[in-house]
Amino acid sequence: MWCRLGTKKPFFLSLSCTEWQNRSQSQCVKLYGLEVLKQIKSEEKLSMIPVVVLTSSKEEKDMVASYKLGVSAYVVKPVDFHEFVNAIKELGVFWAVINEPPPGSVRK
């Protein structure tokens, strides 16, 4: 239902709440971020991966649904491009340097 993660385990995964399309298959499979999140959290091998929702939605219902499904962070994207780039850099530093990944994940 989503691309295989390969042999290396990611220590975080970022999802958008907007439509995600898997074009690697003959049919175009349309999934939304929260559907992918639900599938990830239901898979034992993937359930410990921290997931960041990166969205333009400030809707409380979207935030509540994300946290109920086990999201690690809910980040509302800034509209301004330069603010967006800075936010992504800060997010990357947090997850790659500051945050302690789940036991068993690989950090390189």
C-alpha atoms as a PDB file:
ATOM      1  CA  MET A   1       0.000   0.000   0.000  1.00  0.00           C
ATOM      2  CA  TRP A   2       3.022   2.243   0.336  1.00  0.00           C
ATOM      3  CA  CYS A   3       6.560   2.017  -0.868  1.00  0.00           C
ATOM      4  CA  ARG A   4       8.748  -0.529   0.884  1.00  0.00           C
ATOM      5  CA  LEU A   5      11.091   1.066   3.382  1.00  0.00           C
ATOM      6  CA  GLY A   6      14.051  -1.100   2.375  1.00  0.00           C
ATOM      7  CA  THR A   7      16.541  -2.670   4.706  1.00  0.00           C
ATOM      8  CA  LYS A   8      17.515   0.430   6.684  1.00  0.00           C
ATOM      9  CA  LYS A   9      15.042   1.566   9.298  1.00  0.00           C
ATOM     10  CA  PRO A  10      14.173   5.274   9.243  1.00  0.00           C
ATOM     11  CA  PHE A  11      14.182   6.981  12.614  1.00  0.00           C
ATOM     12  CA  PHE A  12      11.337   9.263  11.637  1.00  0.00           C
ATOM     13  CA  LEU A  13       8.765   9.561   8.900  1.00  0.00           C
ATOM     14  CA  SER A  14       7.069  12.749   7.771  1.00  0.00           C
ATOM     15  CA  LEU A  15       3.545  12.588   6.368  1.00  0.00           C
ATOM     16  CA  SER A  16       1.411  15.170   4.705  1.00  0.00           C
ATOM     17  CA  CYS A  17      -2.322  15.084   5.415  1.00  0.00           C
ATOM     18  CA  THR A  18      -2.935  15.726   1.735  1.00  0.00           C
ATOM     19  CA  GLU A  19      -3.288  13.122  -0.984  1.00  0.00           C
ATOM     20  CA  TRP A  20      -0.371  10.760  -1.496  1.00  0.00           C
ATOM     21  CA  GLN A  21      -0.068   8.827  -4.708  1.00  0.00           C
ATOM     22  CA  ASN A  22       1.959   5.704  -5.308  1.00  0.00           C
ATOM     23  CA  ARG A  23       2.873   5.922  -8.972  1.00  0.00           C
ATOM     24  CA  SER A  24       5.246   2.955  -8.853  1.00  0.00           C
ATOM     25  CA  GLN A  25       2.405   0.520  -9.479  1.00  0.00           C
ATOM     26  CA  SER A  26       0.344   0.168 -12.638  1.00  0.00           C
ATOM     27  CA  GLN A  27      -2.656   1.717 -10.932  1.00  0.00           C
ATOM     28  CA  CYS A  28      -2.521   5.026  -9.127  1.00  0.00           C
ATOM     29  CA  VAL A  29      -3.306   4.290  -5.481  1.00  0.00           C
ATOM     30  CA  LYS A  30      -4.612   7.334  -3.651  1.00  0.00           C
ATOM     31  CA  LEU A  31      -4.090   7.508   0.087  1.00  0.00           C
ATOM     32  CA  TYR A  32      -4.316  10.372   2.514  1.00  0.00           C
ATOM     33  CA  GLY A  33      -1.751  10.977   5.235  1.00  0.00           C
ATOM     34  CA  LEU A  34      -4.001   9.887   8.087  1.00  0.00           C
ATOM     35  CA  GLU A  35      -4.826   6.650   6.262  1.00  0.00           C
ATOM     36  CA  VAL A  36      -1.119   5.959   5.802  1.00  0.00           C
ATOM     37  CA  LEU A  37      -0.500   6.830   9.473  1.00  0.00           C
ATOM     38  CA  LYS A  38      -3.202   4.372  10.558  1.00  0.00           C
ATOM     39  CA  GLN A  39      -1.645   1.616   8.434  1.00  0.00           C
ATOM     40  CA  ILE A  40       1.870   2.352   9.721  1.00  0.00           C
ATOM     41  CA  LYS A  41       0.778   2.291  13.356  1.00  0.00           C
ATOM     42  CA  SER A  42      -1.110  -0.990  12.792  1.00  0.00           C
ATOM     43  CA  GLU A  43       2.023  -2.747  11.468  1.00  0.00           C
ATOM     44  CA  GLU A  44       4.112  -4.140  14.333  1.00  0.00           C
ATOM     45  CA  LYS A  45       7.426  -3.635  12.498  1.00  0.00           C
ATOM     46  CA  LEU A  46       6.600   0.010  11.691  1.00  0.00           C
ATOM     47  CA  SER A  47       4.608   1.096  14.729  1.00  0.00           C
ATOM     48  CA  MET A  48       7.603   2.511  16.644  1.00  0.00           C
ATOM     49  CA  ILE A  49       8.663   4.874  13.845  1.00  0.00           C
ATOM     50  CA  PRO A  50       8.028   8.445  14.968  1.00  0.00           C
ATOM     51  CA  VAL A  51       5.700  10.126  12.478  1.00  0.00           C
ATOM     52  CA  VAL A  52       5.506  13.876  11.872  1.00  0.00           C
ATOM     53  CA  VAL A  53       2.375  15.293  10.250  1.00  0.00           C
ATOM     54  CA  LEU A  54       3.336  18.306   8.141  1.00  0.00           C
ATOM     55  CA  THR A  55       0.155  20.054   7.074  1.00  0.00           C
ATOM     56  CA  SER A  56      -1.484  23.346   6.255  1.00  0.00           C
ATOM     57  CA  SER A  57      -4.498  22.408   8.398  1.00  0.00           C
ATOM     58  CA  LYS A  58      -5.050  24.183  11.697  1.00  0.00           C
ATOM     59  CA  GLU A  59      -8.316  22.323  12.183  1.00  0.00           C
ATOM     60  CA  GLU A  60      -8.626  20.898  15.683  1.00  0.00           C
ATOM     61  CA  LYS A  61     -10.340  17.774  14.336  1.00  0.00           C
ATOM     62  CA  ASP A  62      -7.316  17.012  12.119  1.00  0.00           C
ATOM     63  CA  MET A  63      -4.915  17.515  15.013  1.00  0.00           C
ATOM     64  CA  VAL A  64      -6.977  15.352  17.378  1.00  0.00           C
ATOM     65  CA  ALA A  65      -7.326  12.601  14.762  1.00  0.00           C
ATOM     66  CA  SER A  66      -3.560  12.642  14.152  1.00  0.00           C
ATOM     67  CA  TYR A  67      -2.667  12.328  17.827  1.00  0.00           C
ATOM     68  CA  LYS A  68      -5.295   9.613  18.382  1.00  0.00           C
ATOM     69  CA  LEU A  69      -3.632   7.606  15.601  1.00  0.00           C
ATOM     70  CA  GLY A  70      -0.225   7.939  17.277  1.00  0.00           C
ATOM     71  CA  VAL A  71       1.512  10.819  15.513  1.00  0.00           C
ATOM     72  CA  SER A  72       4.682  12.046  17.230  1.00  0.00           C
ATOM     73  CA  ALA A  73       4.375  15.675  16.136  1.00  0.00           C
ATOM     74  CA  TYR A  74       1.844  17.863  14.309  1.00  0.00           C
ATOM     75  CA  VAL A  75       3.442  20.752  12.435  1.00  0.00           C
ATOM     76  CA  VAL A  76       1.484  23.424  10.572  1.00  0.00           C
ATOM     77  CA  LYS A  77       3.460  24.557   7.513  1.00  0.00           C
ATOM     78  CA  PRO A  78       4.234  28.266   7.314  1.00  0.00           C
ATOM     79  CA  VAL A  79       2.827  29.913   4.164  1.00  0.00           C
ATOM     80  CA  ASP A  80       5.918  32.006   3.457  1.00  0.00           C
ATOM     81  CA  PHE A  81       8.545  30.001   1.530  1.00  0.00           C
ATOM     82  CA  HIS A  82      11.543  31.203   3.584  1.00  0.00           C
ATOM     83  CA  GLU A  83       9.722  30.514   6.860  1.00  0.00           C
ATOM     84  CA  PHE A  84       8.820  27.066   5.505  1.00  0.00           C
ATOM     85  CA  VAL A  85      12.472  26.305   4.651  1.00  0.00           C
ATOM     86  CA  ASN A  86      13.580  27.425   8.119  1.00  0.00           C
ATOM     87  CA  ALA A  87      10.862  25.363   9.792  1.00  0.00           C
ATOM     88  CA  ILE A  88      11.959  22.250   7.857  1.00  0.00           C
ATOM     89  CA  LYS A  89      15.587  22.859   8.849  1.00  0.00           C
ATOM     90  CA  GLU A  90      14.619  23.189  12.518  1.00  0.00           C
ATOM     91  CA  LEU A  91      12.438  20.105  12.287  1.00  0.00           C
ATOM     92  CA  GLY A  92      15.322  18.169  10.742  1.00  0.00           C
ATOM     93  CA  VAL A  93      17.730  19.262  13.468  1.00  0.00           C
ATOM     94  CA  PHE A  94      15.269  18.244  16.167  1.00  0.00           C
ATOM     95  CA  TRP A  95      14.621  14.758  14.756  1.00  0.00           C
ATOM     96  CA  ALA A  96      18.153  14.054  13.533  1.00  0.00           C
ATOM     97  CA  VAL A  97      20.191  15.535  16.402  1.00  0.00           C
ATOM     98  CA  ILE A  98      18.173  16.392  19.520  1.00  0.00           C
ATOM     99  CA  ASN A  99      15.502  13.680  19.660  1.00  0.00           C
ATOM    100  CA  GLU A 100      16.342  10.203  20.933  1.00  0.00           C
ATOM    101  CA  PRO A 101      14.984   7.657  18.424  1.00  0.00           C
ATOM    102  CA  PRO A 102      12.979   4.608  19.489  1.00  0.00           C
ATOM    103  CA  PRO A 103      14.926   1.550  20.656  1.00  0.00           C
ATOM    104  CA  GLY A 104      16.046  -0.605  17.749  1.00  0.00           C
ATOM    105  CA  SER A 105      16.013   2.129  15.144  1.00  0.00           C
ATOM    106  CA  VAL A 106      19.130   2.995  13.195  1.00  0.00           C
ATOM    107  CA  ARG A 107      20.692   6.458  13.303  1.00  0.00           C
ATOM    108  CA  LYS A 108      23.458   7.299  10.874  1.00  0.00           C
END
